[in-house]
PDB file of N, CA and C in Angstrom:
ATOM      1  N   MET A   1    -153.746 132.283 -24.117  1.00  0.00           N
ATOM      2  CA  MET A   1    -153.023 131.024 -24.047  1.00  0.00           C
ATOM      3  C   MET A   1    -153.481 130.230 -22.819  1.00  0.00           C
ATOM      4  N   VAL A   2    -153.628 128.933 -22.988  1.00  0.00           N
ATOM      5  CA  VAL A   2    -154.048 128.067 -21.899  1.00  0.00           C
ATOM      6  C   VAL A   2    -152.826 127.707 -21.064  1.00  0.00           C
ATOM      7  N   ASP A   3    -152.925 127.919 -19.763  1.00  0.00           N
ATOM      8  CA  ASP A   3    -151.799 127.627 -18.879  1.00  0.00           C
ATOM      9  C   ASP A   3    -151.654 126.139 -18.606  1.00  0.00           C
ATOM     10  N   GLU A   4    -152.780 125.452 -18.488  1.00  0.00           N
ATOM     11  CA  GLU A   4    -152.734 124.054 -18.085  1.00  0.00           C
ATOM     12  C   GLU A   4    -153.747 123.258 -18.894  1.00  0.00           C
ATOM     13  N   LEU A   5    -153.324 122.056 -19.278  1.00  0.00           N
ATOM     14  CA  LEU A   5    -154.191 121.135 -20.011  1.00  0.00           C
ATOM     15  C   LEU A   5    -154.329 119.860 -19.206  1.00  0.00           C
ATOM     16  N   MET A   6    -155.354 119.074 -19.542  1.00  0.00           N
ATOM     17  CA  MET A   6    -155.510 117.771 -18.909  1.00  0.00           C
ATOM     18  C   MET A   6    -155.920 116.756 -19.959  1.00  0.00           C
ATOM     19  N   ALA A   7    -155.664 115.507 -19.656  1.00  0.00           N
ATOM     20  CA  ALA A   7    -156.053 114.414 -20.542  1.00  0.00           C
ATOM     21  C   ALA A   7    -156.521 113.253 -19.690  1.00  0.00           C
ATOM     22  N   THR A   8    -157.505 112.536 -20.212  1.00  0.00           N
ATOM     23  CA  THR A   8    -158.027 111.345 -19.550  1.00  0.00           C
ATOM     24  C   THR A   8    -158.090 110.228 -20.578  1.00  0.00           C
ATOM     25  N   CYS A   9    -157.537 109.089 -20.234  1.00  0.00           N
ATOM     26  CA  CYS A   9    -157.543 107.913 -21.103  1.00  0.00           C
ATOM     27  C   CYS A   9    -158.779 107.066 -20.792  1.00  0.00           C
ATOM     28  N   ASP A  10    -159.215 106.292 -21.753  1.00  0.00           N
ATOM     29  CA  ASP A  10    -160.351 105.400 -21.534  1.00  0.00           C
ATOM     30  C   ASP A  10    -160.086 104.391 -20.407  1.00  0.00           C
ATOM     31  N   CYS A  11    -158.818 104.118 -20.115  1.00  0.00           N
ATOM     32  CA  CYS A  11    -158.484 103.163 -19.063  1.00  0.00           C
ATOM     33  C   CYS A  11    -158.586 103.782 -17.666  1.00  0.00           C
ATOM     34  N   GLY A  12    -158.813 105.104 -17.602  1.00  0.00           N
ATOM     35  CA  GLY A  12    -158.946 105.773 -16.312  1.00  0.00           C
ATOM     36  C   GLY A  12    -157.754 106.621 -15.919  1.00  0.00           C
ATOM     37  N   TRP A  13    -156.651 106.498 -16.623  1.00  0.00           N
ATOM     38  CA  TRP A  13    -155.447 107.293 -16.347  1.00  0.00           C
ATOM     39  C   TRP A  13    -155.747 108.750 -16.654  1.00  0.00           C
ATOM     40  N   THR A  14    -155.271 109.647 -15.809  1.00  0.00           N
ATOM     41  CA  THR A  14    -155.419 111.075 -16.049  1.00  0.00           C
ATOM     42  C   THR A  14    -154.102 111.781 -15.764  1.00  0.00           C
ATOM     43  N   ALA A  15    -153.919 112.906 -16.428  1.00  0.00           N
ATOM     44  CA  ALA A  15    -152.736 113.732 -16.190  1.00  0.00           C
ATOM     45  C   ALA A  15    -153.089 115.160 -16.553  1.00  0.00           C
ATOM     46  N   ARG A  16    -152.322 116.060 -15.981  1.00  0.00           N
ATOM     47  CA  ARG A  16    -152.497 117.478 -16.298  1.00  0.00           C
ATOM     48  C   ARG A  16    -151.170 118.184 -16.174  1.00  0.00           C
ATOM     49  N   GLY A  17    -151.054 119.305 -16.881  1.00  0.00           N
ATOM     50  CA  GLY A  17    -149.824 120.076 -16.833  1.00  0.00           C
ATOM     51  C   GLY A  17    -149.725 120.991 -18.021  1.00  0.00           C
ATOM     52  N   PRO A  18    -148.591 121.691 -18.144  1.00  0.00           N
ATOM     53  CA  PRO A  18    -148.381 122.541 -19.308  1.00  0.00           C
ATOM     54  C   PRO A  18    -148.264 121.669 -20.564  1.00  0.00           C
ATOM     55  N   GLN A  19    -148.554 122.252 -21.700  1.00  0.00           N
ATOM     56  CA  GLN A  19    -148.650 121.494 -22.953  1.00  0.00           C
ATOM     57  C   GLN A  19    -147.441 120.602 -23.215  1.00  0.00           C
ATOM     58  N   ASP A  20    -146.228 121.138 -23.125  1.00  0.00           N
ATOM     59  CA  ASP A  20    -145.052 120.342 -23.466  1.00  0.00           C
ATOM     60  C   ASP A  20    -144.895 119.128 -22.556  1.00  0.00           C
ATOM     61  N   LYS A  21    -145.121 119.313 -21.286  1.00  0.00           N
ATOM     62  CA  LYS A  21    -144.975 118.200 -20.342  1.00  0.00           C
ATOM     63  C   LYS A  21    -146.131 117.204 -20.474  1.00  0.00           C
ATOM     64  N   LEU A  22    -147.335 117.696 -20.724  1.00  0.00           N
ATOM     65  CA  LEU A  22    -148.480 116.802 -20.856  1.00  0.00           C
ATOM     66  C   LEU A  22    -148.353 115.925 -22.087  1.00  0.00           C
ATOM     67  N   VAL A  23    -147.892 116.491 -23.189  1.00  0.00           N
ATOM     68  CA  VAL A  23    -147.692 115.687 -24.399  1.00  0.00           C
ATOM     69  C   VAL A  23    -146.728 114.544 -24.103  1.00  0.00           C
ATOM     70  N   ASP A  24    -145.635 114.834 -23.408  1.00  0.00           N
ATOM     71  CA  ASP A  24    -144.680 113.779 -23.033  1.00  0.00           C
ATOM     72  C   ASP A  24    -145.344 112.716 -22.168  1.00  0.00           C
ATOM     73  N   LYS A  25    -146.148 113.147 -21.196  1.00  0.00           N
ATOM     74  CA  LYS A  25    -146.825 112.203 -20.304  1.00  0.00           C
ATOM     75  C   LYS A  25    -147.802 111.319 -21.072  1.00  0.00           C
ATOM     76  N   ILE A  26    -148.545 111.914 -21.992  1.00  0.00           N
ATOM     77  CA  ILE A  26    -149.516 111.143 -22.785  1.00  0.00           C
ATOM     78  C   ILE A  26    -148.792 110.120 -23.651  1.00  0.00           C
ATOM     79  N   GLN A  27    -147.712 110.535 -24.307  1.00  0.00           N
ATOM     80  CA  GLN A  27    -146.951 109.607 -25.145  1.00  0.00           C
ATOM     81  C   GLN A  27    -146.365 108.464 -24.314  1.00  0.00           C
ATOM     82  N   GLU A  28    -145.853 108.791 -23.143  1.00  0.00           N
ATOM     83  CA  GLU A  28    -145.291 107.769 -22.264  1.00  0.00           C
ATOM     84  C   GLU A  28    -146.375 106.782 -21.818  1.00  0.00           C
ATOM     85  N   HIS A  29    -147.530 107.305 -21.442  1.00  0.00           N
ATOM     86  CA  HIS A  29    -148.625 106.429 -21.024  1.00  0.00           C
ATOM     87  C   HIS A  29    -149.068 105.519 -22.175  1.00  0.00           C
ATOM     88  N   ALA A  30    -149.243 106.083 -23.355  1.00  0.00           N
ATOM     89  CA  ALA A  30    -149.675 105.288 -24.513  1.00  0.00           C
ATOM     90  C   ALA A  30    -148.691 104.154 -24.786  1.00  0.00           C
ATOM     91  N   ARG A  31    -147.400 104.469 -24.690  1.00  0.00           N
ATOM     92  CA  ARG A  31    -146.352 103.477 -24.953  1.00  0.00           C
ATOM     93  C   ARG A  31    -146.310 102.408 -23.865  1.00  0.00           C
ATOM     94  N   GLU A  32    -146.282 102.837 -22.606  1.00  0.00           N
ATOM     95  CA  GLU A  32    -146.087 101.886 -21.505  1.00  0.00           C
ATOM     96  C   GLU A  32    -147.344 101.096 -21.159  1.00  0.00           C
ATOM     97  N   ALA A  33    -148.501 101.730 -21.193  1.00  0.00           N
ATOM     98  CA  ALA A  33    -149.727 101.049 -20.778  1.00  0.00           C
ATOM     99  C   ALA A  33    -150.432 100.332 -21.924  1.00  0.00           C
ATOM    100  N   HIS A  34    -150.253 100.849 -23.157  1.00  0.00           N
ATOM    101  CA  HIS A  34    -151.039 100.307 -24.263  1.00  0.00           C
ATOM    102  C   HIS A  34    -150.198  99.852 -25.451  1.00  0.00           C
ATOM    103  N   GLY A  35    -148.869 100.000 -25.365  1.00  0.00           N
ATOM    104  CA  GLY A  35    -147.998  99.567 -26.447  1.00  0.00           C
ATOM    105  C   GLY A  35    -148.170 100.371 -27.732  1.00  0.00           C
ATOM    106  N   LEU A  36    -148.590 101.637 -27.589  1.00  0.00           N
ATOM    107  CA  LEU A  36    -148.831 102.492 -28.753  1.00  0.00           C
ATOM    108  C   LEU A  36    -147.782 103.575 -28.857  1.00  0.00           C
ATOM    109  N   GLU A  37    -147.338 103.845 -30.068  1.00  0.00           N
ATOM    110  CA  GLU A  37    -146.465 104.982 -30.342  1.00  0.00           C
ATOM    111  C   GLU A  37    -147.330 106.037 -31.003  1.00  0.00           C
ATOM    112  N   ILE A  38    -147.492 107.186 -30.349  1.00  0.00           N
ATOM    113  CA  ILE A  38    -148.313 108.249 -30.919  1.00  0.00           C
ATOM    114  C   ILE A  38    -147.482 109.505 -31.120  1.00  0.00           C
ATOM    115  N   THR A  39    -147.892 110.298 -32.084  1.00  0.00           N
ATOM    116  CA  THR A  39    -147.177 111.536 -32.391  1.00  0.00           C
ATOM    117  C   THR A  39    -147.551 112.611 -31.372  1.00  0.00           C
ATOM    118  N   PRO A  40    -146.747 113.652 -31.272  1.00  0.00           N
ATOM    119  CA  PRO A  40    -147.127 114.770 -30.401  1.00  0.00           C
ATOM    120  C   PRO A  40    -148.495 115.355 -30.779  1.00  0.00           C
ATOM    121  N   GLU A  41    -148.796 115.394 -32.075  1.00  0.00           N
ATOM    122  CA  GLU A  41    -150.088 115.920 -32.523  1.00  0.00           C
ATOM    123  C   GLU A  41    -151.235 115.032 -32.047  1.00  0.00           C
ATOM    124  N   GLN A  42    -151.044 113.712 -32.101  1.00  0.00           N
ATOM    125  CA  GLN A  42    -152.080 112.790 -31.612  1.00  0.00           C
ATOM    126  C   GLN A  42    -152.255 112.940 -30.107  1.00  0.00           C
ATOM    127  N   ALA A  43    -151.150 113.112 -29.395  1.00  0.00           N
ATOM    128  CA  ALA A  43    -151.225 113.293 -27.949  1.00  0.00           C
ATOM    129  C   ALA A  43    -151.961 114.581 -27.616  1.00  0.00           C
ATOM    130  N   LEU A  44    -151.624 115.647 -28.297  1.00  0.00           N
ATOM    131  CA  LEU A  44    -152.245 116.939 -28.031  1.00  0.00           C
ATOM    132  C   LEU A  44    -153.742 116.920 -28.357  1.00  0.00           C
ATOM    133  N   ALA A  45    -154.132 116.113 -29.318  1.00  0.00           N
ATOM    134  CA  ALA A  45    -155.555 116.007 -29.667  1.00  0.00           C
ATOM    135  C   ALA A  45    -156.379 115.423 -28.512  1.00  0.00           C
ATOM    136  N   GLN A  46    -155.722 114.738 -27.590  1.00  0.00           N
ATOM    137  CA  GLN A  46    -156.408 114.150 -26.436  1.00  0.00           C
ATOM    138  C   GLN A  46    -156.534 115.133 -25.272  1.00  0.00           C
ATOM    139  N   ALA A  47    -155.840 116.241 -25.357  1.00  0.00           N
ATOM    140  CA  ALA A  47    -155.784 117.204 -24.242  1.00  0.00           C
ATOM    141  C   ALA A  47    -156.918 118.214 -24.331  1.00  0.00           C
ATOM    142  N   ARG A  48    -157.345 118.662 -23.166  1.00  0.00           N
ATOM    143  CA  ARG A  48    -158.386 119.678 -23.038  1.00  0.00           C
ATOM    144  C   ARG A  48    -157.926 120.729 -22.038  1.00  0.00           C
ATOM    145  N   PRO A  49    -158.372 121.976 -22.216  1.00  0.00           N
ATOM    146  CA  PRO A  49    -158.013 123.004 -21.230  1.00  0.00           C
ATOM    147  C   PRO A  49    -158.599 122.669 -19.857  1.00  0.00           C
ATOM    148  N   VAL A  50    -157.853 122.999 -18.833  1.00  0.00           N
ATOM    149  CA  VAL A  50    -158.343 122.847 -17.466  1.00  0.00           C
ATOM    150  C   VAL A  50    -159.184 124.076 -17.172  1.00  0.00           C
ATOM    151  N   GLU A  51    -160.420 123.837 -16.762  1.00  0.00           N
ATOM    152  CA  GLU A  51    -161.335 124.952 -16.535  1.00  0.00           C
ATOM    153  C   GLU A  51    -160.968 125.765 -15.303  1.00  0.00           C
ATOM    154  N   GLU A  52    -160.559 125.096 -14.243  1.00  0.00           N
ATOM    155  CA  GLU A  52    -160.177 125.779 -13.009  1.00  0.00           C
ATOM    156  C   GLU A  52    -158.840 125.230 -12.556  1.00  0.00           C
ATOM    157  N   PRO A  53    -157.948 126.073 -12.099  1.00  0.00           N
ATOM    158  CA  PRO A  53    -156.667 125.580 -11.602  1.00  0.00           C
ATOM    159  C   PRO A  53    -156.871 124.609 -10.444  1.00  0.00           C
ATOM    160  N   TRP A  54    -156.018 123.600 -10.381  1.00  0.00           N
ATOM    161  CA  TRP A  54    -156.117 122.624  -9.308  1.00  0.00           C
ATOM    162  C   TRP A  54    -155.762 123.278  -7.989  1.00  0.00           C
ATOM    163  N   GLN A  55    -156.571 122.978  -6.989  1.00  0.00           N
ATOM    164  CA  GLN A  55    -156.289 123.441  -5.634  1.00  0.00           C
ATOM    165  C   GLN A  55    -156.575 122.282  -4.695  1.00  0.00           C
ATOM    166  N   PRO A  56    -155.694 122.057  -3.745  1.00  0.00           N
ATOM    167  CA  PRO A  56    -155.966 120.965  -2.810  1.00  0.00           C
ATOM    168  C   PRO A  56    -157.233 121.253  -2.027  1.00  0.00           C
ATOM    169  N   ARG A  57    -157.958 120.195  -1.756  1.00  0.00           N
ATOM    170  CA  ARG A  57    -159.174 120.363  -0.957  1.00  0.00           C
ATOM    171  C   ARG A  57    -158.803 120.587   0.492  1.00  0.00           C
ATOM    172  N   SER A  58    -159.564 121.440   1.137  1.00  0.00           N
ATOM    173  CA  SER A  58    -159.329 121.638   2.556  1.00  0.00           C
ATOM    174  C   SER A  58    -160.083 120.551   3.308  1.00  0.00           C
ATOM    175  N   PRO A  59    -159.557 120.136   4.438  1.00  0.00           N
ATOM    176  CA  PRO A  59    -160.262 119.102   5.199  1.00  0.00           C
ATOM    177  C   PRO A  59    -161.643 119.607   5.608  1.00  0.00           C
ATOM    178  N   THR A  60    -162.598 118.720   5.562  1.00  0.00           N
ATOM    179  CA  THR A  60    -163.941 119.130   5.945  1.00  0.00           C
ATOM    180  C   THR A  60    -164.148 118.892   7.431  1.00  0.00           C
ATOM    181  N   THR A  61    -164.898 119.734   8.020  1.00  0.00           N
ATOM    182  CA  THR A  61    -165.231 119.601   9.430  1.00  0.00           C
ATOM    183  C   THR A  61    -166.591 118.945   9.526  1.00  0.00           C
ATOM    184  N   PRO A  62    -166.679 117.828  10.233  1.00  0.00           N
ATOM    185  CA  PRO A  62    -167.976 117.168  10.347  1.00  0.00           C
ATOM    186  C   PRO A  62    -169.003 118.104  10.985  1.00  0.00           C
ATOM    187  N   THR A  63    -170.197 118.019  10.469  1.00  0.00           N
ATOM    188  CA  THR A  63    -171.274 118.817  11.049  1.00  0.00           C
ATOM    189  C   THR A  63    -172.359 117.882  11.526  1.00  0.00           C
ATOM    190  N   GLY A  64    -173.202 118.377  12.371  1.00  0.00           N
ATOM    191  CA  GLY A  64    -174.284 117.548  12.902  1.00  0.00           C
ATOM    192  C   GLY A  64    -173.888 116.912  14.205  1.00  0.00           C
ATOM    193  N   SER A  65    -174.781 116.094  14.704  1.00  0.00           N
ATOM    194  CA  SER A  65    -174.547 115.511  16.042  1.00  0.00           C
ATOM    195  C   SER A  65    -174.493 114.002  15.979  1.00  0.00           C
ATOM    196  N   LEU A  66    -174.047 113.450  14.883  1.00  0.00           N
ATOM    197  CA  LEU A  66    -173.945 112.010  14.752  1.00  0.00           C
ATOM    198  C   LEU A  66    -173.025 111.462  15.850  1.00  0.00           C
ATOM    199  N   GLY A  67    -173.535 110.549  16.622  1.00  0.00           N
ATOM    200  CA  GLY A  67    -172.741 109.958  17.691  1.00  0.00           C
ATOM    201  C   GLY A  67    -172.735 110.768  18.968  1.00  0.00           C
ATOM    202  N   GLN A  68    -173.401 111.889  18.997  1.00  0.00           N
ATOM    203  CA  GLN A  68    -173.444 112.697  20.214  1.00  0.00           C
ATOM    204  C   GLN A  68    -174.841 112.593  20.806  1.00  0.00           C
ATOM    205  N   ARG A  69    -174.927 112.702  22.126  1.00  0.00           N
ATOM    206  CA  ARG A  69    -176.223 112.632  22.797  1.00  0.00           C
ATOM    207  C   ARG A  69    -176.528 113.912  23.500  1.00  0.00           C
TER     208      ARG A  69
END
């Protein structure tokens, strides 16, 4: 079973989450942003499994001597 799914709209909107919540998010986006009413099946057809769980990026430490003499 897939733990997390994601969807990306042609307009650039993206969302991810468990199937039940993502379907709701996709339907809400379609309705509010595009004036479309879509079925749960249509919403789910837009979803794809997330390959790697989301993890916040750690801050990067600058390397090199830019600005140093």
